[in-house]
C-alpha atoms as a PDB file:
ATOM      1  CA  MET A   1      31.721 -59.060  20.880  1.00  0.00           C
ATOM      2  CA  ASN A   2      30.182 -57.369  17.848  1.00  0.00           C
ATOM      3  CA  LEU A   3      28.658 -54.059  18.989  1.00  0.00           C
ATOM      4  CA  SER A   4      26.292 -51.858  16.983  1.00  0.00           C
ATOM      5  CA  ALA A   5      25.770 -48.243  18.047  1.00  0.00           C
ATOM      6  CA  ILE A   6      22.184 -47.323  17.222  1.00  0.00           C
ATOM      7  CA  ILE A   7      21.259 -43.642  17.295  1.00  0.00           C
ATOM      8  CA  GLN A   8      17.565 -42.783  17.423  1.00  0.00           C
ATOM      9  CA  ALA A   9      16.801 -39.578  15.532  1.00  0.00           C
ATOM     10  CA  ARG A  10      13.832 -37.736  14.095  1.00  0.00           C
ATOM     11  CA  ALA A  11      12.997 -34.259  12.865  1.00  0.00           C
ATOM     12  CA  GLY A  12       9.713 -33.901  14.729  1.00  0.00           C
ATOM     13  CA  SER A  13      10.892 -32.892  18.179  1.00  0.00           C
ATOM     14  CA  THR A  14       8.109 -30.938  19.876  1.00  0.00           C
ATOM     15  CA  ARG A  15      10.180 -28.411  21.834  1.00  0.00           C
ATOM     16  CA  LEU A  16      12.879 -27.809  19.196  1.00  0.00           C
ATOM     17  CA  PRO A  17      11.820 -29.110  15.762  1.00  0.00           C
ATOM     18  CA  ARG A  18      14.610 -30.338  13.454  1.00  0.00           C
ATOM     19  CA  LYS A  19      17.119 -29.959  16.269  1.00  0.00           C
ATOM     20  CA  VAL A  20      19.152 -32.950  15.064  1.00  0.00           C
ATOM     21  CA  LEU A  21      19.890 -31.004  11.860  1.00  0.00           C
ATOM     22  CA  MET A  22      20.951 -27.760  13.560  1.00  0.00           C
ATOM     23  CA  ASP A  23      24.480 -26.591  12.830  1.00  0.00           C
ATOM     24  CA  LEU A  24      27.247 -27.177  15.352  1.00  0.00           C
ATOM     25  CA  ALA A  25      30.571 -25.718  14.220  1.00  0.00           C
ATOM     26  CA  GLY A  26      29.812 -26.362  10.566  1.00  0.00           C
ATOM     27  CA  LYS A  27      28.084 -29.753  10.697  1.00  0.00           C
ATOM     28  CA  PRO A  28      24.591 -30.983  11.643  1.00  0.00           C
ATOM     29  CA  MET A  29      24.195 -32.113  15.229  1.00  0.00           C
ATOM     30  CA  LEU A  30      23.361 -35.634  14.030  1.00  0.00           C
ATOM     31  CA  THR A  31      26.668 -35.791  12.166  1.00  0.00           C
ATOM     32  CA  ARG A  32      28.511 -34.742  15.323  1.00  0.00           C
ATOM     33  CA  VAL A  33      26.841 -37.557  17.280  1.00  0.00           C
ATOM     34  CA  ILE A  34      27.696 -40.080  14.550  1.00  0.00           C
ATOM     35  CA  GLU A  35      31.335 -38.951  14.597  1.00  0.00           C
ATOM     36  CA  ARG A  36      31.538 -39.392  18.349  1.00  0.00           C
ATOM     37  CA  ALA A  37      29.740 -42.734  18.349  1.00  0.00           C
ATOM     38  CA  ARG A  38      32.198 -44.039  15.785  1.00  0.00           C
ATOM     39  CA  ARG A  39      35.064 -43.312  18.192  1.00  0.00           C
ATOM     40  CA  VAL A  40      33.618 -45.382  21.046  1.00  0.00           C
ATOM     41  CA  PRO A  41      35.924 -48.361  21.668  1.00  0.00           C
ATOM     42  CA  GLY A  42      34.396 -51.616  20.444  1.00  0.00           C
ATOM     43  CA  VAL A  43      31.781 -50.121  18.111  1.00  0.00           C
ATOM     44  CA  ALA A  44      31.694 -52.091  14.857  1.00  0.00           C
ATOM     45  CA  GLU A  45      29.029 -50.046  13.061  1.00  0.00           C
ATOM     46  CA  VAL A  46      26.889 -46.957  13.552  1.00  0.00           C
ATOM     47  CA  VAL A  47      23.215 -47.102  12.621  1.00  0.00           C
ATOM     48  CA  VAL A  48      20.687 -44.264  12.628  1.00  0.00           C
ATOM     49  CA  ALA A  49      17.137 -45.407  13.372  1.00  0.00           C
ATOM     50  CA  THR A  50      14.680 -42.798  12.149  1.00  0.00           C
ATOM     51  CA  THR A  51      11.019 -42.887  11.162  1.00  0.00           C
ATOM     52  CA  THR A  52       9.192 -43.563   7.909  1.00  0.00           C
ATOM     53  CA  LEU A  53       7.540 -40.137   8.029  1.00  0.00           C
ATOM     54  CA  PRO A  54       8.281 -37.947   4.978  1.00  0.00           C
ATOM     55  CA  GLY A  55       9.619 -35.263   7.302  1.00  0.00           C
ATOM     56  CA  ASP A  56      12.444 -37.589   8.277  1.00  0.00           C
ATOM     57  CA  ASP A  57      13.695 -38.055   4.711  1.00  0.00           C
ATOM     58  CA  VAL A  58      16.176 -35.281   5.447  1.00  0.00           C
ATOM     59  CA  VAL A  59      17.313 -37.070   8.632  1.00  0.00           C
ATOM     60  CA  ALA A  60      17.902 -40.272   6.685  1.00  0.00           C
ATOM     61  CA  ALA A  61      19.833 -38.349   4.025  1.00  0.00           C
ATOM     62  CA  CYS A  62      21.998 -36.628   6.641  1.00  0.00           C
ATOM     63  CA  ALA A  63      22.778 -39.935   8.339  1.00  0.00           C
ATOM     64  CA  HIS A  64      23.657 -41.585   5.026  1.00  0.00           C
ATOM     65  CA  ASP A  65      25.898 -38.681   4.024  1.00  0.00           C
ATOM     66  CA  SER A  66      27.614 -38.973   7.411  1.00  0.00           C
ATOM     67  CA  GLY A  67      28.506 -42.615   6.764  1.00  0.00           C
ATOM     68  CA  ALA A  68      25.928 -44.310   8.985  1.00  0.00           C
ATOM     69  CA  ARG A  69      23.668 -47.165   8.014  1.00  0.00           C
ATOM     70  CA  VAL A  70      20.032 -46.029   8.040  1.00  0.00           C
ATOM     71  CA  VAL A  71      16.971 -47.942   9.224  1.00  0.00           C
ATOM     72  CA  ARG A  72      13.454 -46.490   9.167  1.00  0.00           C
ATOM     73  CA  GLY A  73      10.482 -47.623  11.221  1.00  0.00           C
ATOM     74  CA  PRO A  74       7.447 -46.484  13.223  1.00  0.00           C
ATOM     75  CA  SER A  75       7.409 -42.976  14.638  1.00  0.00           C
ATOM     76  CA  ASP A  76       6.134 -43.839  18.130  1.00  0.00           C
ATOM     77  CA  ASP A  77       7.503 -47.383  18.441  1.00  0.00           C
ATOM     78  CA  VAL A  78      11.207 -46.687  18.903  1.00  0.00           C
ATOM     79  CA  LEU A  79      11.778 -50.215  20.200  1.00  0.00           C
ATOM     80  CA  ALA A  80      10.578 -51.550  16.841  1.00  0.00           C
ATOM     81  CA  ARG A  81      13.085 -49.277  15.097  1.00  0.00           C
ATOM     82  CA  TYR A  82      15.894 -50.734  17.185  1.00  0.00           C
ATOM     83  CA  HIS A  83      14.741 -54.259  16.453  1.00  0.00           C
ATOM     84  CA  LEU A  84      14.659 -53.501  12.727  1.00  0.00           C
ATOM     85  CA  ALA A  85      18.194 -52.130  12.988  1.00  0.00           C
ATOM     86  CA  ILE A  86      19.626 -55.454  14.177  1.00  0.00           C
ATOM     87  CA  GLN A  87      17.865 -57.646  11.634  1.00  0.00           C
ATOM     88  CA  ASP A  88      20.613 -57.263   9.030  1.00  0.00           C
ATOM     89  CA  SER A  89      23.404 -57.032  11.570  1.00  0.00           C
ATOM     90  CA  ALA A  90      25.747 -59.580  13.069  1.00  0.00           C
ATOM     91  CA  CYS A  91      25.805 -57.689  16.364  1.00  0.00           C
ATOM     92  CA  ASP A  92      25.777 -59.424  19.736  1.00  0.00           C
ATOM     93  CA  ALA A  93      24.916 -56.237  21.620  1.00  0.00           C
ATOM     94  CA  VAL A  94      23.522 -52.761  21.051  1.00  0.00           C
ATOM     95  CA  LEU A  95      24.744 -49.391  22.286  1.00  0.00           C
ATOM     96  CA  ARG A  96      21.757 -47.067  22.559  1.00  0.00           C
ATOM     97  CA  ILE A  97      22.419 -43.391  21.868  1.00  0.00           C
ATOM     98  CA  THR A  98      20.098 -40.469  21.171  1.00  0.00           C
ATOM     99  CA  ALA A  99      20.801 -37.843  18.514  1.00  0.00           C
ATOM    100  CA  ASP A 100      20.280 -34.950  20.928  1.00  0.00           C
ATOM    101  CA  CYS A 101      23.497 -35.682  22.841  1.00  0.00           C
ATOM    102  CA  PRO A 102      26.275 -34.065  20.764  1.00  0.00           C
ATOM    103  CA  LEU A 103      28.671 -33.973  23.745  1.00  0.00           C
ATOM    104  CA  LEU A 104      28.646 -37.769  23.969  1.00  0.00           C
ATOM    105  CA  ASP A 105      32.089 -38.740  25.237  1.00  0.00           C
ATOM    106  CA  PRO A 106      33.698 -41.857  23.699  1.00  0.00           C
ATOM    107  CA  VAL A 107      35.719 -42.504  26.865  1.00  0.00           C
ATOM    108  CA  VAL A 108      32.715 -42.289  29.183  1.00  0.00           C
ATOM    109  CA  THR A 109      30.633 -44.419  26.840  1.00  0.00           C
ATOM    110  CA  GLY A 110      33.598 -46.766  26.520  1.00  0.00           C
ATOM    111  CA  ARG A 111      33.421 -47.350  30.266  1.00  0.00           C
ATOM    112  CA  VAL A 112      29.839 -48.548  29.857  1.00  0.00           C
ATOM    113  CA  VAL A 113      30.849 -50.793  26.962  1.00  0.00           C
ATOM    114  CA  ALA A 114      33.704 -52.228  29.041  1.00  0.00           C
ATOM    115  CA  ALA A 115      31.352 -52.896  31.960  1.00  0.00           C
ATOM    116  CA  PHE A 116      29.088 -54.856  29.634  1.00  0.00           C
ATOM    117  CA  THR A 117      31.857 -56.785  27.905  1.00  0.00           C
ATOM    118  CA  ALA A 118      33.276 -57.845  31.266  1.00  0.00           C
ATOM    119  CA  GLY A 119      30.423 -60.352  31.254  1.00  0.00           C
ATOM    120  CA  GLY A 120      27.756 -61.353  33.698  1.00  0.00           C
ATOM    121  CA  CYS A 121      25.133 -58.804  32.685  1.00  0.00           C
ATOM    122  CA  ASP A 122      22.392 -58.252  30.130  1.00  0.00           C
ATOM    123  CA  TYR A 123      22.362 -54.471  30.418  1.00  0.00           C
ATOM    124  CA  ALA A 124      24.900 -51.842  31.484  1.00  0.00           C
ATOM    125  CA  SER A 125      24.444 -48.088  31.667  1.00  0.00           C
ATOM    126  CA  ASN A 126      25.477 -44.862  33.339  1.00  0.00           C
ATOM    127  CA  THR A 127      21.827 -43.877  33.866  1.00  0.00           C
ATOM    128  CA  LEU A 128      20.708 -46.404  36.508  1.00  0.00           C
ATOM    129  CA  GLU A 129      22.498 -44.166  39.001  1.00  0.00           C
ATOM    130  CA  ARG A 130      22.962 -40.720  37.522  1.00  0.00           C
ATOM    131  CA  THR A 131      26.359 -39.174  38.254  1.00  0.00           C
ATOM    132  CA  PHE A 132      27.349 -37.920  34.785  1.00  0.00           C
ATOM    133  CA  PRO A 133      25.851 -34.818  33.164  1.00  0.00           C
ATOM    134  CA  ARG A 134      22.628 -35.477  31.278  1.00  0.00           C
ATOM    135  CA  GLY A 135      23.763 -35.761  27.691  1.00  0.00           C
ATOM    136  CA  LEU A 136      26.465 -38.382  28.254  1.00  0.00           C
ATOM    137  CA  ASP A 137      23.814 -41.107  28.588  1.00  0.00           C
ATOM    138  CA  SER A 138      24.939 -44.512  27.298  1.00  0.00           C
ATOM    139  CA  GLU A 139      23.229 -47.891  27.516  1.00  0.00           C
ATOM    140  CA  VAL A 140      24.412 -51.287  26.275  1.00  0.00           C
ATOM    141  CA  LEU A 141      22.133 -54.296  26.150  1.00  0.00           C
ATOM    142  CA  SER A 142      22.473 -57.747  24.703  1.00  0.00           C
ATOM    143  CA  ARG A 143      20.810 -58.661  21.457  1.00  0.00           C
ATOM    144  CA  ALA A 144      18.882 -61.338  23.336  1.00  0.00           C
ATOM    145  CA  ALA A 145      17.528 -58.763  25.799  1.00  0.00           C
ATOM    146  CA  LEU A 146      16.491 -56.476  22.942  1.00  0.00           C
ATOM    147  CA  ASP A 147      14.772 -59.382  21.182  1.00  0.00           C
ATOM    148  CA  THR A 148      12.895 -60.234  24.369  1.00  0.00           C
ATOM    149  CA  ALA A 149      11.809 -56.638  24.934  1.00  0.00           C
ATOM    150  CA  HIS A 150      10.555 -56.324  21.374  1.00  0.00           C
ATOM    151  CA  ARG A 151       8.661 -59.592  21.600  1.00  0.00           C
ATOM    152  CA  GLU A 152       7.053 -59.043  25.002  1.00  0.00           C
ATOM    153  CA  ALA A 153       6.737 -55.311  25.667  1.00  0.00           C
ATOM    154  CA  THR A 154       3.206 -54.015  25.195  1.00  0.00           C
ATOM    155  CA  GLU A 155       3.066 -50.795  27.239  1.00  0.00           C
ATOM    156  CA  ALA A 156       3.591 -47.546  25.317  1.00  0.00           C
ATOM    157  CA  PRO A 157       6.468 -46.293  27.539  1.00  0.00           C
ATOM    158  CA  ASP A 158       8.338 -49.554  26.987  1.00  0.00           C
ATOM    159  CA  ARG A 159       7.961 -49.223  23.213  1.00  0.00           C
ATOM    160  CA  GLU A 160       9.002 -45.561  23.258  1.00  0.00           C
ATOM    161  CA  HIS A 161      11.957 -45.693  25.631  1.00  0.00           C
ATOM    162  CA  VAL A 162      13.488 -48.952  24.298  1.00  0.00           C
ATOM    163  CA  THR A 163      15.351 -50.163  27.386  1.00  0.00           C
ATOM    164  CA  CYS A 164      12.987 -49.610  30.321  1.00  0.00           C
ATOM    165  CA  PHE A 165      11.358 -53.028  29.811  1.00  0.00           C
ATOM    166  CA  VAL A 166      14.790 -54.455  30.666  1.00  0.00           C
ATOM    167  CA  TRP A 167      16.012 -52.227  33.493  1.00  0.00           C
ATOM    168  CA  ARG A 168      12.652 -52.261  35.293  1.00  0.00           C
ATOM    169  CA  GLN A 169      13.023 -56.038  35.782  1.00  0.00           C
ATOM    170  CA  PRO A 170      16.247 -56.482  37.785  1.00  0.00           C
ATOM    171  CA  THR A 171      15.230 -59.960  38.939  1.00  0.00           C
ATOM    172  CA  ARG A 172      14.909 -61.121  35.352  1.00  0.00           C
ATOM    173  CA  PHE A 173      17.726 -59.230  33.631  1.00  0.00           C
ATOM    174  CA  ARG A 174      21.213 -58.777  35.056  1.00  0.00           C
ATOM    175  CA  LEU A 175      21.947 -55.054  35.353  1.00  0.00           C
ATOM    176  CA  ARG A 176      25.250 -53.243  35.823  1.00  0.00           C
ATOM    177  CA  SER A 177      25.608 -49.593  36.755  1.00  0.00           C
ATOM    178  CA  VAL A 178      28.538 -47.364  35.807  1.00  0.00           C
ATOM    179  CA  ALA A 179      28.952 -44.362  38.084  1.00  0.00           C
ATOM    180  CA  ASP A 180      31.504 -41.577  38.425  1.00  0.00           C
ATOM    181  CA  PRO A 181      33.146 -40.733  41.766  1.00  0.00           C
ATOM    182  CA  VAL A 182      32.039 -37.106  41.386  1.00  0.00           C
ATOM    183  CA  ASP A 183      28.307 -36.486  41.014  1.00  0.00           C
ATOM    184  CA  ARG A 184      27.728 -33.989  38.186  1.00  0.00           C
ATOM    185  CA  SER A 185      24.211 -35.174  37.369  1.00  0.00           C
ATOM    186  CA  GLY A 186      22.913 -31.633  37.869  1.00  0.00           C
ATOM    187  CA  LEU A 187      24.592 -30.476  34.670  1.00  0.00           C
ATOM    188  CA  ARG A 188      22.440 -30.509  31.542  1.00  0.00           C
ATOM    189  CA  TRP A 189      24.312 -31.144  28.264  1.00  0.00           C
ATOM    190  CA  THR A 190      21.527 -32.642  26.163  1.00  0.00           C
ATOM    191  CA  VAL A 191      19.574 -30.627  23.579  1.00  0.00           C
ATOM    192  CA  ASP A 192      15.805 -30.354  23.848  1.00  0.00           C
ATOM    193  CA  THR A 193      15.200 -26.591  23.900  1.00  0.00           C
ATOM    194  CA  PRO A 194      16.715 -23.429  22.380  1.00  0.00           C
ATOM    195  CA  GLU A 195      18.453 -22.786  25.715  1.00  0.00           C
ATOM    196  CA  ASP A 196      20.043 -26.241  25.615  1.00  0.00           C
ATOM    197  CA  PHE A 197      21.271 -25.630  22.091  1.00  0.00           C
ATOM    198  CA  ALA A 198      22.689 -22.229  23.046  1.00  0.00           C
ATOM    199  CA  LEU A 199      24.916 -23.880  25.639  1.00  0.00           C
ATOM    200  CA  VAL A 200      26.092 -26.705  23.380  1.00  0.00           C
ATOM    201  CA  ASP A 201      26.678 -24.261  20.520  1.00  0.00           C
ATOM    202  CA  ARG A 202      28.962 -22.170  22.733  1.00  0.00           C
ATOM    203  CA  ILE A 203      30.878 -25.272  23.794  1.00  0.00           C
ATOM    204  CA  TYR A 204      31.419 -26.401  20.204  1.00  0.00           C
ATOM    205  CA  ALA A 205      32.432 -22.909  19.083  1.00  0.00           C
ATOM    206  CA  ALA A 206      35.010 -22.748  21.864  1.00  0.00           C
ATOM    207  CA  LEU A 207      36.464 -26.266  21.593  1.00  0.00           C
ATOM    208  CA  GLN A 208      35.869 -27.784  18.166  1.00  0.00           C
ATOM    209  CA  PRO A 209      38.255 -25.665  16.056  1.00  0.00           C
ATOM    210  CA  ALA A 210      41.368 -26.393  18.124  1.00  0.00           C
ATOM    211  CA  THR A 211      40.378 -29.716  19.728  1.00  0.00           C
ATOM    212  CA  PRO A 212      38.018 -31.620  17.393  1.00  0.00           C
ATOM    213  CA  ASP A 213      38.173 -34.701  19.619  1.00  0.00           C
ATOM    214  CA  PHE A 214      37.421 -32.735  22.782  1.00  0.00           C
ATOM    215  CA  ALA A 215      36.401 -34.851  25.752  1.00  0.00           C
ATOM    216  CA  TYR A 216      34.391 -34.731  28.966  1.00  0.00           C
ATOM    217  CA  ALA A 217      37.310 -33.209  30.867  1.00  0.00           C
ATOM    218  CA  ASP A 218      37.703 -30.465  28.251  1.00  0.00           C
ATOM    219  CA  VAL A 219      34.055 -29.449  28.592  1.00  0.00           C
ATOM    220  CA  LEU A 220      34.310 -29.411  32.380  1.00  0.00           C
ATOM    221  CA  ALA A 221      37.425 -27.224  32.224  1.00  0.00           C
ATOM    222  CA  LEU A 222      35.723 -24.848  29.779  1.00  0.00           C
ATOM    223  CA  LEU A 223      32.669 -24.480  32.010  1.00  0.00           C
ATOM    224  CA  ASP A 224      34.917 -23.862  34.998  1.00  0.00           C
ATOM    225  CA  ARG A 225      36.331 -20.906  33.072  1.00  0.00           C
ATOM    226  CA  HIS A 226      32.850 -19.737  32.076  1.00  0.00           C
ATOM    227  CA  ALA A 227      30.767 -20.582  35.124  1.00  0.00           C
ATOM    228  CA  ASP A 228      27.831 -18.483  33.908  1.00  0.00           C
ATOM    229  CA  TRP A 229      27.297 -20.632  30.796  1.00  0.00           C
ATOM    230  CA  SER A 230      25.613 -23.457  32.678  1.00  0.00           C
ATOM    231  CA  ALA A 231      22.940 -21.007  33.780  1.00  0.00           C
ATOM    232  CA  LEU A 232      21.715 -20.804  30.175  1.00  0.00           C
ATOM    233  CA  ASN A 233      19.657 -23.978  30.548  1.00  0.00           C
ATOM    234  CA  ALA A 234      19.733 -24.667  34.287  1.00  0.00           C
ATOM    235  CA  HIS A 235      15.979 -23.999  34.496  1.00  0.00           C
ATOM    236  CA  VAL A 236      15.010 -26.499  31.773  1.00  0.00           C
ATOM    237  CA  GLU A 237      13.106 -29.531  32.981  1.00  0.00           C
ATOM    238  CA  GLN A 238      13.818 -32.885  31.362  1.00  0.00           C
ATOM    239  CA  LYS A 239      11.083 -34.013  29.008  1.00  0.00           C
ATOM    240  CA  LYS A 240       9.621 -37.437  29.748  1.00  0.00           C
ATOM    241  CA  THR A 241       9.388 -38.586  26.127  1.00  0.00           C
ATOM    242  CA  GLY A 242      11.987 -39.896  23.714  1.00  0.00           C
ATOM    243  CA  ILE A 243      13.505 -38.451  20.570  1.00  0.00           C
END
């Protein structure tokens, strides 16, 4: 299987503008996500799908400098951006990642990739049943399913959220869920607000220098030692729109 990791990214986040360019231990957050996506088993290429807006020129430049292929498309039609990203690719499947998840874990995401490559499904994810912290979200869908969604989806949420056209039709598309034995879905490790960034910044400052490839287990152990850190963003409600 030829797998493309496509990271959606833009500068115009409403709650924390330019968050994907904020510094985490010496590098932009987008670069950190690209680095982690590249380490996911089975990923053949990493693509950043940003918008054609002038404000995202800096996002495109950051992605290019970080070694990712860059595709630019409509601001509100993220599904169209993903479809553009596969036009010049030989991929059979797409790994969907968002640029506001700098704690993305290659092993956890690799479990989702393995569930998909085992065959018998059109879509696999660890978000159908949430057990992992928000911020480790990973979805894999077939190129055929993405083509179908792009061709048929007309509702704005389906165009914005990329995969919901697929996972909302379980009788049409074969879905596979990846869950963890321990439910830690109450933990928030994504970045959408200053409080979110404060937590992730502390985690990177503590782990990145000595353990640049730090993993899910390392973050859990760190937060066990600093139980008060998770309170930094515990009150933040998840936004219903995409990046």
